[in-house]
């Protein structure tokens, strides 16, 4: 991913990027987002929705704690479970789709991540246009314009 897009994601979602400048021995995020620019929008939407879910959960917990402390007996108090802050461990392309490795979150976030990863299988990694998974030694997702002939074997080119 271009450096300016990488930087933009880091600026928009600083809570997720605590490992971004970590040592190579500690995190793979030191290499940045290891995928093409075409998946920027998938990542931006995914990370935005994850952070919104976490922030909403924190607000709901605080409201429940504040309200419950004065309005309900202790035996009836219900406080939502805390959703741990998501921090990124690695983001890359593998077998033609996005891989989003992280720590924290909950089942809802896990579902969002799986959906984003599956969407990357039909979106060109280079430009973001509709694409399909292609093979030829290296599996990748691309539109017809960004099909990489260098990935095809000699038999397929004939």
C-alpha atoms as a PDB file:
ATOM      1  CA  UNK A   1       0.000   0.000   0.000  1.00  0.00           C
ATOM      2  CA  UNK A   2       1.211   3.495  -0.780  1.00  0.00           C
ATOM      3  CA  UNK A   3       2.848   5.251   2.140  1.00  0.00           C
ATOM      4  CA  UNK A   4       0.280   8.079   2.178  1.00  0.00           C
ATOM      5  CA  UNK A   5      -2.649   5.624   2.435  1.00  0.00           C
ATOM      6  CA  UNK A   6      -0.849   3.669   5.150  1.00  0.00           C
ATOM      7  CA  UNK A   7      -0.268   6.924   7.047  1.00  0.00           C
ATOM      8  CA  UNK A   8      -3.919   7.927   6.646  1.00  0.00           C
ATOM      9  CA  UNK A   9      -5.137   4.693   8.255  1.00  0.00           C
ATOM     10  CA  UNK A  10      -2.653   5.171  11.095  1.00  0.00           C
ATOM     11  CA  UNK A  11      -3.928   8.725  11.681  1.00  0.00           C
ATOM     12  CA  UNK A  12      -7.618   7.758  11.536  1.00  0.00           C
ATOM     13  CA  UNK A  13      -7.330   4.760  13.873  1.00  0.00           C
ATOM     14  CA  UNK A  14      -4.491   5.447  16.336  1.00  0.00           C
ATOM     15  CA  UNK A  15      -5.911   3.168  19.044  1.00  0.00           C
ATOM     16  CA  UNK A  16      -5.540   0.186  16.717  1.00  0.00           C
ATOM     17  CA  UNK A  17      -2.059   1.147  15.598  1.00  0.00           C
ATOM     18  CA  UNK A  18      -0.134   0.855  18.880  1.00  0.00           C
ATOM     19  CA  UNK A  19       2.104  -1.818  17.300  1.00  0.00           C
ATOM     20  CA  UNK A  20       2.762   0.166  14.107  1.00  0.00           C
ATOM     21  CA  UNK A  21       6.284   1.252  15.059  1.00  0.00           C
ATOM     22  CA  UNK A  22       7.181  -1.811  17.112  1.00  0.00           C
ATOM     23  CA  UNK A  23      10.289  -3.895  16.637  1.00  0.00           C
ATOM     24  CA  UNK A  24      10.416  -6.610  13.973  1.00  0.00           C
ATOM     25  CA  UNK A  25      10.805  -9.189  16.749  1.00  0.00           C
ATOM     26  CA  UNK A  26       7.558  -8.034  18.387  1.00  0.00           C
ATOM     27  CA  UNK A  27       5.071  -7.286  15.598  1.00  0.00           C
ATOM     28  CA  UNK A  28       4.511  -7.641  11.869  1.00  0.00           C
ATOM     29  CA  UNK A  29       2.806  -4.225  11.774  1.00  0.00           C
ATOM     30  CA  UNK A  30       6.268  -2.664  11.606  1.00  0.00           C
ATOM     31  CA  UNK A  31       6.059  -3.392   7.851  1.00  0.00           C
ATOM     32  CA  UNK A  32       2.756  -1.553   7.504  1.00  0.00           C
ATOM     33  CA  UNK A  33      -0.208  -2.675   5.443  1.00  0.00           C
ATOM     34  CA  UNK A  34       1.106  -5.364   3.110  1.00  0.00           C
ATOM     35  CA  UNK A  35      -1.541  -5.205   0.404  1.00  0.00           C
ATOM     36  CA  UNK A  36      -2.463  -3.137  -2.621  1.00  0.00           C
ATOM     37  CA  UNK A  37      -4.144   0.279  -2.686  1.00  0.00           C
ATOM     38  CA  UNK A  38      -7.362  -1.243  -4.040  1.00  0.00           C
ATOM     39  CA  UNK A  39      -8.218  -2.633  -0.626  1.00  0.00           C
ATOM     40  CA  UNK A  40      -7.823   0.716   1.159  1.00  0.00           C
ATOM     41  CA  UNK A  41     -11.602   1.318   1.263  1.00  0.00           C
ATOM     42  CA  UNK A  42     -12.256  -2.155   2.694  1.00  0.00           C
ATOM     43  CA  UNK A  43      -9.696  -1.512   5.434  1.00  0.00           C
ATOM     44  CA  UNK A  44     -10.935   2.015   6.125  1.00  0.00           C
ATOM     45  CA  UNK A  45     -14.552   0.874   6.496  1.00  0.00           C
ATOM     46  CA  UNK A  46     -13.605  -2.186   8.538  1.00  0.00           C
ATOM     47  CA  UNK A  47     -11.392  -0.267  10.942  1.00  0.00           C
ATOM     48  CA  UNK A  48     -13.958   2.530  11.264  1.00  0.00           C
ATOM     49  CA  UNK A  49     -16.746   0.068  12.075  1.00  0.00           C
ATOM     50  CA  UNK A  50     -14.570  -1.793  14.568  1.00  0.00           C
ATOM     51  CA  UNK A  51     -13.607   1.397  16.410  1.00  0.00           C
ATOM     52  CA  UNK A  52     -17.226   2.611  16.396  1.00  0.00           C
ATOM     53  CA  UNK A  53     -18.375  -0.697  17.923  1.00  0.00           C
ATOM     54  CA  UNK A  54     -15.741  -0.496  20.665  1.00  0.00           C
ATOM     55  CA  UNK A  55     -16.453   3.175  21.443  1.00  0.00           C
ATOM     56  CA  UNK A  56     -20.232   2.539  21.487  1.00  0.00           C
ATOM     57  CA  UNK A  57     -19.733  -0.347  23.896  1.00  0.00           C
ATOM     58  CA  UNK A  58     -17.695   1.866  26.245  1.00  0.00           C
ATOM     59  CA  UNK A  59     -20.415   4.555  26.221  1.00  0.00           C
ATOM     60  CA  UNK A  60     -23.143   1.997  26.877  1.00  0.00           C
ATOM     61  CA  UNK A  61     -21.174   0.506  29.757  1.00  0.00           C
ATOM     62  CA  UNK A  62     -20.684   3.933  31.314  1.00  0.00           C
ATOM     63  CA  UNK A  63     -24.375   4.812  30.982  1.00  0.00           C
ATOM     64  CA  UNK A  64     -25.345   1.482  32.552  1.00  0.00           C
ATOM     65  CA  UNK A  65     -22.891   1.961  35.417  1.00  0.00           C
ATOM     66  CA  UNK A  66     -24.026   5.544  36.077  1.00  0.00           C
ATOM     67  CA  UNK A  67     -27.721   4.718  35.823  1.00  0.00           C
ATOM     68  CA  UNK A  68     -27.551   1.450  37.735  1.00  0.00           C
ATOM     69  CA  UNK A  69     -25.719   2.966  40.655  1.00  0.00           C
ATOM     70  CA  UNK A  70     -28.764   5.095  41.529  1.00  0.00           C
ATOM     71  CA  UNK A  71     -31.772   3.429  39.919  1.00  0.00           C
ATOM     72  CA  UNK A  72     -31.571  -0.287  40.485  1.00  0.00           C
ATOM     73  CA  UNK A  73     -30.769  -2.611  43.326  1.00  0.00           C
ATOM     74  CA  UNK A  74     -27.415  -4.340  42.964  1.00  0.00           C
ATOM     75  CA  UNK A  75     -29.005  -7.722  42.211  1.00  0.00           C
ATOM     76  CA  UNK A  76     -30.723  -6.246  39.116  1.00  0.00           C
ATOM     77  CA  UNK A  77     -27.821  -4.264  37.670  1.00  0.00           C
ATOM     78  CA  UNK A  78     -26.793  -5.282  34.174  1.00  0.00           C
ATOM     79  CA  UNK A  79     -23.656  -3.850  32.619  1.00  0.00           C
ATOM     80  CA  UNK A  80     -22.580  -4.854  29.086  1.00  0.00           C
ATOM     81  CA  UNK A  81     -19.387  -6.877  28.835  1.00  0.00           C
ATOM     82  CA  UNK A  82     -16.341  -4.816  27.968  1.00  0.00           C
ATOM     83  CA  UNK A  83     -15.136  -5.181  24.368  1.00  0.00           C
ATOM     84  CA  UNK A  84     -11.322  -5.060  24.488  1.00  0.00           C
ATOM     85  CA  UNK A  85      -9.655  -2.509  22.213  1.00  0.00           C
ATOM     86  CA  UNK A  86      -8.546  -4.052  18.930  1.00  0.00           C
ATOM     87  CA  UNK A  87      -4.858  -3.675  18.108  1.00  0.00           C
ATOM     88  CA  UNK A  88      -3.467  -4.803  14.769  1.00  0.00           C
ATOM     89  CA  UNK A  89      -0.837  -7.525  14.598  1.00  0.00           C
ATOM     90  CA  UNK A  90      -0.589  -7.891  10.807  1.00  0.00           C
ATOM     91  CA  UNK A  91      -2.532  -6.891   7.693  1.00  0.00           C
ATOM     92  CA  UNK A  92      -1.560  -8.530   4.413  1.00  0.00           C
ATOM     93  CA  UNK A  93      -2.623 -10.346   1.270  1.00  0.00           C
ATOM     94  CA  UNK A  94      -2.510 -14.127   1.326  1.00  0.00           C
ATOM     95  CA  UNK A  95      -3.884 -16.522  -1.290  1.00  0.00           C
ATOM     96  CA  UNK A  96      -5.588 -13.641  -3.072  1.00  0.00           C
ATOM     97  CA  UNK A  97      -7.543 -12.263  -0.126  1.00  0.00           C
ATOM     98  CA  UNK A  98      -7.029  -9.896   2.763  1.00  0.00           C
ATOM     99  CA  UNK A  99      -5.766 -11.220   6.089  1.00  0.00           C
ATOM    100  CA  UNK A 100      -6.476  -9.053   9.125  1.00  0.00           C
ATOM    101  CA  UNK A 101      -4.738 -10.357  12.251  1.00  0.00           C
ATOM    102  CA  UNK A 102      -5.569  -8.582  15.489  1.00  0.00           C
ATOM    103  CA  UNK A 103      -5.808  -8.824  19.262  1.00  0.00           C
ATOM    104  CA  UNK A 104      -8.909  -7.860  21.259  1.00  0.00           C
ATOM    105  CA  UNK A 105     -12.472  -7.473  20.079  1.00  0.00           C
ATOM    106  CA  UNK A 106     -15.459  -9.776  20.362  1.00  0.00           C
ATOM    107  CA  UNK A 107     -17.554 -12.084  18.175  1.00  0.00           C
ATOM    108  CA  UNK A 108     -19.241  -9.135  16.439  1.00  0.00           C
ATOM    109  CA  UNK A 109     -15.850  -7.773  15.375  1.00  0.00           C
ATOM    110  CA  UNK A 110     -14.764 -11.238  14.282  1.00  0.00           C
ATOM    111  CA  UNK A 111     -17.785 -11.314  11.953  1.00  0.00           C
ATOM    112  CA  UNK A 112     -16.902  -7.912  10.499  1.00  0.00           C
ATOM    113  CA  UNK A 113     -13.344  -9.075   9.842  1.00  0.00           C
ATOM    114  CA  UNK A 114     -14.485 -12.287   8.123  1.00  0.00           C
ATOM    115  CA  UNK A 115     -16.866 -10.281   5.930  1.00  0.00           C
ATOM    116  CA  UNK A 116     -14.134  -7.805   4.910  1.00  0.00           C
ATOM    117  CA  UNK A 117     -11.734 -10.638   4.148  1.00  0.00           C
ATOM    118  CA  UNK A 118     -14.309 -12.337   1.931  1.00  0.00           C
ATOM    119  CA  UNK A 119     -15.109  -9.058   0.130  1.00  0.00           C
ATOM    120  CA  UNK A 120     -11.442  -8.700  -0.796  1.00  0.00           C
ATOM    121  CA  UNK A 121     -11.814 -11.851  -2.905  1.00  0.00           C
ATOM    122  CA  UNK A 122     -14.005  -9.972  -5.411  1.00  0.00           C
ATOM    123  CA  UNK A 123     -12.266  -6.561  -5.374  1.00  0.00           C
ATOM    124  CA  UNK A 124      -9.109  -5.802  -7.358  1.00  0.00           C
ATOM    125  CA  UNK A 125      -6.212  -5.373  -4.967  1.00  0.00           C
ATOM    126  CA  UNK A 126      -4.620  -2.787  -7.278  1.00  0.00           C
ATOM    127  CA  UNK A 127      -7.501  -0.407  -8.062  1.00  0.00           C
ATOM    128  CA  UNK A 128     -10.604  -1.386  -6.058  1.00  0.00           C
ATOM    129  CA  UNK A 129     -12.713  -2.299  -9.118  1.00  0.00           C
ATOM    130  CA  UNK A 130     -14.650  -5.561  -9.268  1.00  0.00           C
ATOM    131  CA  UNK A 131     -12.200  -8.397  -9.676  1.00  0.00           C
ATOM    132  CA  UNK A 132     -11.823 -12.111  -9.365  1.00  0.00           C
ATOM    133  CA  UNK A 133      -9.288 -14.490  -7.945  1.00  0.00           C
ATOM    134  CA  UNK A 134      -6.667 -15.512 -10.443  1.00  0.00           C
ATOM    135  CA  UNK A 135      -4.104 -18.265 -10.427  1.00  0.00           C
ATOM    136  CA  UNK A 136      -0.936 -19.122 -12.215  1.00  0.00           C
ATOM    137  CA  UNK A 137       1.553 -19.921  -9.519  1.00  0.00           C
ATOM    138  CA  UNK A 138       0.562 -16.981  -7.325  1.00  0.00           C
ATOM    139  CA  UNK A 139      -3.085 -16.504  -6.332  1.00  0.00           C
ATOM    140  CA  UNK A 140      -4.238 -12.888  -6.422  1.00  0.00           C
ATOM    141  CA  UNK A 141      -7.429 -10.892  -6.929  1.00  0.00           C
ATOM    142  CA  UNK A 142      -7.527  -8.475  -9.842  1.00  0.00           C
ATOM    143  CA  UNK A 143      -9.740  -6.882 -12.452  1.00  0.00           C
ATOM    144  CA  UNK A 144      -9.143  -7.648 -16.133  1.00  0.00           C
ATOM    145  CA  UNK A 145      -6.999  -4.502 -16.464  1.00  0.00           C
ATOM    146  CA  UNK A 146      -4.642  -5.454 -13.628  1.00  0.00           C
ATOM    147  CA  UNK A 147      -4.220  -9.114 -14.457  1.00  0.00           C
ATOM    148  CA  UNK A 148      -0.529  -9.761 -14.008  1.00  0.00           C
ATOM    149  CA  UNK A 149       0.808 -11.817 -16.929  1.00  0.00           C
ATOM    150  CA  UNK A 150       4.106 -12.406 -15.100  1.00  0.00           C
ATOM    151  CA  UNK A 151       2.205 -14.692 -12.704  1.00  0.00           C
ATOM    152  CA  UNK A 152       1.058 -17.079 -15.422  1.00  0.00           C
ATOM    153  CA  UNK A 153       3.028 -20.129 -16.463  1.00  0.00           C
ATOM    154  CA  UNK A 154       4.173 -20.562 -20.078  1.00  0.00           C
ATOM    155  CA  UNK A 155       1.436 -23.149 -20.727  1.00  0.00           C
ATOM    156  CA  UNK A 156      -1.306 -20.678 -19.778  1.00  0.00           C
ATOM    157  CA  UNK A 157       0.067 -17.924 -22.000  1.00  0.00           C
ATOM    158  CA  UNK A 158      -0.135 -20.097 -25.147  1.00  0.00           C
END
